[in-house]
Amino acid sequence: MAEGYCVKCKAKQPISDAVEETMKNGRKAVKGKCPVCGAVMFKILGGKTPATPAPVPEAPASA
């Protein structure tokens, strides 16, 4: 379970109902609710999702 900082409680809390999302810039994040006050919590995770590599063209066969 992910742990984040709740701005309303001003304390670190475990994120309940956590859902992993991918932001527009390609980074992963976890979004959920604070179990104490119910405020929305959002935590950005490290690293970007790996981009799919471009297909490598095959070299022409020499005869």
PDB file of N, CA and C in Angstrom:
ATOM      1  N   MET A   1       0.854  -1.179   0.000  1.00  0.00           N
ATOM      2  CA  MET A   1       0.000   0.000   0.000  1.00  0.00           C
ATOM      3  C   MET A   1       0.898   1.239   0.000  1.00  0.00           C
ATOM      4  N   ALA A   2       0.537   2.221  -0.787  1.00  0.00           N
ATOM      5  CA  ALA A   2       1.314   3.447  -0.889  1.00  0.00           C
ATOM      6  C   ALA A   2       1.035   4.365   0.296  1.00  0.00           C
ATOM      7  N   GLU A   3       2.045   5.128   0.659  1.00  0.00           N
ATOM      8  CA  GLU A   3       1.893   6.084   1.744  1.00  0.00           C
ATOM      9  C   GLU A   3       2.172   7.474   1.185  1.00  0.00           C
ATOM     10  N   GLY A   4       1.325   8.431   1.533  1.00  0.00           N
ATOM     11  CA  GLY A   4       1.479   9.787   1.046  1.00  0.00           C
ATOM     12  C   GLY A   4       1.237  10.803   2.148  1.00  0.00           C
ATOM     13  N   TYR A   5       1.413  12.059   1.804  1.00  0.00           N
ATOM     14  CA  TYR A   5       1.221  13.142   2.762  1.00  0.00           C
ATOM     15  C   TYR A   5      -0.157  13.754   2.541  1.00  0.00           C
ATOM     16  N   CYS A   6      -0.957  13.786   3.593  1.00  0.00           N
ATOM     17  CA  CYS A   6      -2.271  14.416   3.516  1.00  0.00           C
ATOM     18  C   CYS A   6      -2.123  15.877   3.915  1.00  0.00           C
ATOM     19  N   VAL A   7      -2.509  16.766   3.023  1.00  0.00           N
ATOM     20  CA  VAL A   7      -2.377  18.199   3.268  1.00  0.00           C
ATOM     21  C   VAL A   7      -3.378  18.660   4.328  1.00  0.00           C
ATOM     22  N   LYS A   8      -4.534  18.035   4.360  1.00  0.00           N
ATOM     23  CA  LYS A   8      -5.559  18.430   5.320  1.00  0.00           C
ATOM     24  C   LYS A   8      -5.195  17.983   6.747  1.00  0.00           C
ATOM     25  N   CYS A   9      -4.723  16.739   6.889  1.00  0.00           N
ATOM     26  CA  CYS A   9      -4.330  16.220   8.214  1.00  0.00           C
ATOM     27  C   CYS A   9      -2.932  16.690   8.623  1.00  0.00           C
ATOM     28  N   LYS A  10      -2.124  17.107   7.646  1.00  0.00           N
ATOM     29  CA  LYS A  10      -0.732  17.502   7.856  1.00  0.00           C
ATOM     30  C   LYS A  10       0.076  16.362   8.467  1.00  0.00           C
ATOM     31  N   ALA A  11      -0.115  15.160   7.918  1.00  0.00           N
ATOM     32  CA  ALA A  11       0.611  13.985   8.391  1.00  0.00           C
ATOM     33  C   ALA A  11       0.676  12.948   7.274  1.00  0.00           C
ATOM     34  N   LYS A  12       1.651  12.030   7.383  1.00  0.00           N
ATOM     35  CA  LYS A  12       1.737  10.922   6.429  1.00  0.00           C
ATOM     36  C   LYS A  12       0.676   9.905   6.781  1.00  0.00           C
ATOM     37  N   GLN A  13      -0.040   9.458   5.754  1.00  0.00           N
ATOM     38  CA  GLN A  13      -1.116   8.484   5.929  1.00  0.00           C
ATOM     39  C   GLN A  13      -1.005   7.456   4.806  1.00  0.00           C
ATOM     40  N   PRO A  14      -1.458   6.230   5.033  1.00  0.00           N
ATOM     41  CA  PRO A  14      -1.559   5.280   3.918  1.00  0.00           C
ATOM     42  C   PRO A  14      -2.688   5.718   2.985  1.00  0.00           C
ATOM     43  N   ILE A  15      -2.492   5.561   1.692  1.00  0.00           N
ATOM     44  CA  ILE A  15      -3.506   5.975   0.724  1.00  0.00           C
ATOM     45  C   ILE A  15      -4.507   4.832   0.566  1.00  0.00           C
ATOM     46  N   SER A  16      -5.772   5.098   0.895  1.00  0.00           N
ATOM     47  CA  SER A  16      -6.802   4.073   0.723  1.00  0.00           C
ATOM     48  C   SER A  16      -7.462   4.242  -0.641  1.00  0.00           C
ATOM     49  N   ASP A  17      -8.009   3.163  -1.170  1.00  0.00           N
ATOM     50  CA  ASP A  17      -8.615   3.136  -2.509  1.00  0.00           C
ATOM     51  C   ASP A  17      -7.620   3.612  -3.558  1.00  0.00           C
ATOM     52  N   ALA A  18      -6.352   3.181  -3.428  1.00  0.00           N
ATOM     53  CA  ALA A  18      -5.289   3.647  -4.314  1.00  0.00           C
ATOM     54  C   ALA A  18      -5.448   3.072  -5.718  1.00  0.00           C
ATOM     55  N   VAL A  19      -5.258   3.940  -6.704  1.00  0.00           N
ATOM     56  CA  VAL A  19      -5.307   3.555  -8.114  1.00  0.00           C
ATOM     57  C   VAL A  19      -4.059   4.115  -8.782  1.00  0.00           C
ATOM     58  N   GLU A  20      -3.314   3.251  -9.484  1.00  0.00           N
ATOM     59  CA  GLU A  20      -2.120   3.717 -10.177  1.00  0.00           C
ATOM     60  C   GLU A  20      -2.518   4.295 -11.527  1.00  0.00           C
ATOM     61  N   GLU A  21      -2.008   5.479 -11.822  1.00  0.00           N
ATOM     62  CA  GLU A  21      -2.323   6.178 -13.066  1.00  0.00           C
ATOM     63  C   GLU A  21      -1.036   6.567 -13.774  1.00  0.00           C
ATOM     64  N   THR A  22      -1.145   6.861 -15.054  1.00  0.00           N
ATOM     65  CA  THR A  22      -0.041   7.419 -15.818  1.00  0.00           C
ATOM     66  C   THR A  22      -0.418   8.840 -16.205  1.00  0.00           C
ATOM     67  N   MET A  23       0.437   9.783 -15.824  1.00  0.00           N
ATOM     68  CA  MET A  23       0.149  11.186 -16.126  1.00  0.00           C
ATOM     69  C   MET A  23       0.460  11.483 -17.588  1.00  0.00           C
ATOM     70  N   LYS A  24       0.083  12.679 -18.049  1.00  0.00           N
ATOM     71  CA  LYS A  24       0.282  13.051 -19.444  1.00  0.00           C
ATOM     72  C   LYS A  24       1.751  13.042 -19.849  1.00  0.00           C
ATOM     73  N   ASN A  25       2.649  13.341 -18.908  1.00  0.00           N
ATOM     74  CA  ASN A  25       4.070  13.378 -19.234  1.00  0.00           C
ATOM     75  C   ASN A  25       4.725  12.008 -19.160  1.00  0.00           C
ATOM     76  N   GLY A  26       3.939  10.951 -18.880  1.00  0.00           N
ATOM     77  CA  GLY A  26       4.470   9.596 -18.894  1.00  0.00           C
ATOM     78  C   GLY A  26       4.878   9.059 -17.536  1.00  0.00           C
ATOM     79  N   ARG A  27       4.850   9.891 -16.505  1.00  0.00           N
ATOM     80  CA  ARG A  27       5.233   9.433 -15.173  1.00  0.00           C
ATOM     81  C   ARG A  27       4.060   8.725 -14.498  1.00  0.00           C
ATOM     82  N   LYS A  28       4.387   7.784 -13.621  1.00  0.00           N
ATOM     83  CA  LYS A  28       3.356   7.062 -12.901  1.00  0.00           C
ATOM     84  C   LYS A  28       3.037   7.774 -11.599  1.00  0.00           C
ATOM     85  N   ALA A  29       1.791   7.636 -11.151  1.00  0.00           N
ATOM     86  CA  ALA A  29       1.350   8.257  -9.909  1.00  0.00           C
ATOM     87  C   ALA A  29       0.287   7.375  -9.265  1.00  0.00           C
ATOM     88  N   VAL A  30       0.077   7.591  -7.962  1.00  0.00           N
ATOM     89  CA  VAL A  30      -0.954   6.882  -7.227  1.00  0.00           C
ATOM     90  C   VAL A  30      -1.936   7.921  -6.715  1.00  0.00           C
ATOM     91  N   LYS A  31      -3.228   7.646  -6.920  1.00  0.00           N
ATOM     92  CA  LYS A  31      -4.277   8.560  -6.492  1.00  0.00           C
ATOM     93  C   LYS A  31      -5.251   7.789  -5.622  1.00  0.00           C
ATOM     94  N   GLY A  32      -5.674   8.399  -4.520  1.00  0.00           N
ATOM     95  CA  GLY A  32      -6.613   7.744  -3.627  1.00  0.00           C
ATOM     96  C   GLY A  32      -7.161   8.722  -2.606  1.00  0.00           C
ATOM     97  N   LYS A  33      -7.632   8.188  -1.483  1.00  0.00           N
ATOM     98  CA  LYS A  33      -8.227   9.019  -0.445  1.00  0.00           C
ATOM     99  C   LYS A  33      -7.505   8.808   0.869  1.00  0.00           C
ATOM    100  N   CYS A  34      -7.548   9.831   1.723  1.00  0.00           N
ATOM    101  CA  CYS A  34      -7.000   9.755   3.076  1.00  0.00           C
ATOM    102  C   CYS A  34      -7.977   8.939   3.924  1.00  0.00           C
ATOM    103  N   PRO A  35      -7.484   7.946   4.667  1.00  0.00           N
ATOM    104  CA  PRO A  35      -8.398   7.138   5.479  1.00  0.00           C
ATOM    105  C   PRO A  35      -8.964   7.882   6.681  1.00  0.00           C
ATOM    106  N   VAL A  36      -8.347   8.991   7.088  1.00  0.00           N
ATOM    107  CA  VAL A  36      -8.789   9.737   8.270  1.00  0.00           C
ATOM    108  C   VAL A  36      -9.846  10.779   7.913  1.00  0.00           C
ATOM    109  N   CYS A  37      -9.516  11.654   6.936  1.00  0.00           N
ATOM    110  CA  CYS A  37     -10.416  12.779   6.645  1.00  0.00           C
ATOM    111  C   CYS A  37     -11.130  12.652   5.304  1.00  0.00           C
ATOM    112  N   GLY A  38     -10.690  11.756   4.431  1.00  0.00           N
ATOM    113  CA  GLY A  38     -11.356  11.562   3.149  1.00  0.00           C
ATOM    114  C   GLY A  38     -10.882  12.490   2.040  1.00  0.00           C
ATOM    115  N   ALA A  39      -9.850  13.287   2.294  1.00  0.00           N
ATOM    116  CA  ALA A  39      -9.334  14.193   1.267  1.00  0.00           C
ATOM    117  C   ALA A  39      -8.628  13.383   0.175  1.00  0.00           C
ATOM    118  N   VAL A  40      -8.569  13.939  -1.027  1.00  0.00           N
ATOM    119  CA  VAL A  40      -7.892  13.281  -2.139  1.00  0.00           C
ATOM    120  C   VAL A  40      -6.382  13.383  -1.917  1.00  0.00           C
ATOM    121  N   MET A  41      -5.703  12.247  -2.065  1.00  0.00           N
ATOM    122  CA  MET A  41      -4.242  12.210  -1.940  1.00  0.00           C
ATOM    123  C   MET A  41      -3.660  11.798  -3.286  1.00  0.00           C
ATOM    124  N   PHE A  42      -2.502  12.342  -3.619  1.00  0.00           N
ATOM    125  CA  PHE A  42      -1.866  12.095  -4.904  1.00  0.00           C
ATOM    126  C   PHE A  42      -0.377  11.987  -4.664  1.00  0.00           C
ATOM    127  N   LYS A  43       0.239  10.904  -5.130  1.00  0.00           N
ATOM    128  CA  LYS A  43       1.677  10.725  -4.954  1.00  0.00           C
ATOM    129  C   LYS A  43       2.301  10.365  -6.287  1.00  0.00           C
ATOM    130  N   ILE A  44       3.331  11.117  -6.681  1.00  0.00           N
ATOM    131  CA  ILE A  44       4.047  10.852  -7.916  1.00  0.00           C
ATOM    132  C   ILE A  44       5.115   9.812  -7.624  1.00  0.00           C
ATOM    133  N   LEU A  45       5.155   8.761  -8.431  1.00  0.00           N
ATOM    134  CA  LEU A  45       6.131   7.698  -8.264  1.00  0.00           C
ATOM    135  C   LEU A  45       7.354   7.999  -9.113  1.00  0.00           C
ATOM    136  N   GLY A  46       8.476   7.409  -8.764  1.00  0.00           N
ATOM    137  CA  GLY A  46       9.721   7.672  -9.466  1.00  0.00           C
ATOM    138  C   GLY A  46       9.778   7.042 -10.842  1.00  0.00           C
ATOM    139  N   GLY A  47      10.434   7.713 -11.753  1.00  0.00           N
ATOM    140  CA  GLY A  47      10.688   7.169 -13.078  1.00  0.00           C
ATOM    141  C   GLY A  47       9.540   7.309 -14.044  1.00  0.00           C
ATOM    142  N   LYS A  48       9.891   7.263 -15.312  1.00  0.00           N
ATOM    143  CA  LYS A  48       8.888   7.306 -16.371  1.00  0.00           C
ATOM    144  C   LYS A  48       8.618   5.899 -16.851  1.00  0.00           C
ATOM    145  N   THR A  49       7.482   5.717 -17.487  1.00  0.00           N
ATOM    146  CA  THR A  49       7.193   4.419 -18.078  1.00  0.00           C
ATOM    147  C   THR A  49       8.090   4.259 -19.302  1.00  0.00           C
ATOM    148  N   PRO A  50       8.625   3.071 -19.532  1.00  0.00           N
ATOM    149  CA  PRO A  50       9.515   2.888 -20.676  1.00  0.00           C
ATOM    150  C   PRO A  50       8.759   3.061 -21.984  1.00  0.00           C
ATOM    151  N   ALA A  51       9.355   3.821 -22.881  1.00  0.00           N
ATOM    152  CA  ALA A  51       8.751   4.037 -24.196  1.00  0.00           C
ATOM    153  C   ALA A  51       8.949   2.788 -25.043  1.00  0.00           C
ATOM    154  N   THR A  52       8.006   2.535 -25.907  1.00  0.00           N
ATOM    155  CA  THR A  52       8.152   1.373 -26.777  1.00  0.00           C
ATOM    156  C   THR A  52       9.237   1.662 -27.804  1.00  0.00           C
ATOM    157  N   PRO A  53      10.201   0.758 -27.965  1.00  0.00           N
ATOM    158  CA  PRO A  53      11.286   1.018 -28.911  1.00  0.00           C
ATOM    159  C   PRO A  53      10.790   0.964 -30.349  1.00  0.00           C
ATOM    160  N   ALA A  54      11.417   1.771 -31.189  1.00  0.00           N
ATOM    161  CA  ALA A  54      11.053   1.801 -32.608  1.00  0.00           C
ATOM    162  C   ALA A  54      11.510   0.497 -33.260  1.00  0.00           C
ATOM    163  N   PRO A  55      10.734  -0.021 -34.203  1.00  0.00           N
ATOM    164  CA  PRO A  55      11.148  -1.261 -34.867  1.00  0.00           C
ATOM    165  C   PRO A  55      12.439  -1.051 -35.650  1.00  0.00           C
ATOM    166  N   VAL A  56      13.314  -2.040 -35.566  1.00  0.00           N
ATOM    167  CA  VAL A  56      14.599  -1.960 -36.251  1.00  0.00           C
ATOM    168  C   VAL A  56      14.438  -2.514 -37.659  1.00  0.00           C
ATOM    169  N   PRO A  57      14.772  -1.699 -38.684  1.00  0.00           N
ATOM    170  CA  PRO A  57      14.646  -2.203 -40.065  1.00  0.00           C
ATOM    171  C   PRO A  57      15.699  -3.283 -40.323  1.00  0.00           C
ATOM    172  N   GLU A  58      15.278  -4.310 -41.051  1.00  0.00           N
ATOM    173  CA  GLU A  58      16.211  -5.396 -41.359  1.00  0.00           C
ATOM    174  C   GLU A  58      17.158  -4.968 -42.471  1.00  0.00           C
ATOM    175  N   ALA A  59      18.395  -5.419 -42.338  1.00  0.00           N
ATOM    176  CA  ALA A  59      19.418  -5.093 -43.360  1.00  0.00           C
ATOM    177  C   ALA A  59      19.133  -5.905 -44.620  1.00  0.00           C
ATOM    178  N   PRO A  60      19.344  -5.288 -45.793  1.00  0.00           N
ATOM    179  CA  PRO A  60      19.104  -6.043 -47.043  1.00  0.00           C
ATOM    180  C   PRO A  60      20.089  -7.204 -47.147  1.00  0.00           C
ATOM    181  N   ALA A  61      19.573  -8.326 -47.579  1.00  0.00           N
ATOM    182  CA  ALA A  61      20.409  -9.520 -47.720  1.00  0.00           C
ATOM    183  C   ALA A  61      21.327  -9.368 -48.920  1.00  0.00           C
ATOM    184  N   SER A  62      22.619  -9.610 -48.727  1.00  0.00           N
ATOM    185  CA  SER A  62      23.553  -9.521 -49.845  1.00  0.00           C
ATOM    186  C   SER A  62      23.623 -10.881 -50.556  1.00  0.00           C
ATOM    187  N   ALA A  63      23.565 -10.852 -51.843  1.00  0.00           N
ATOM    188  CA  ALA A  63      23.535 -12.101 -52.613  1.00  0.00           C
ATOM    189  C   ALA A  63      24.809 -12.388 -53.295  1.00  0.00           C
TER     190      ALA A  63
END
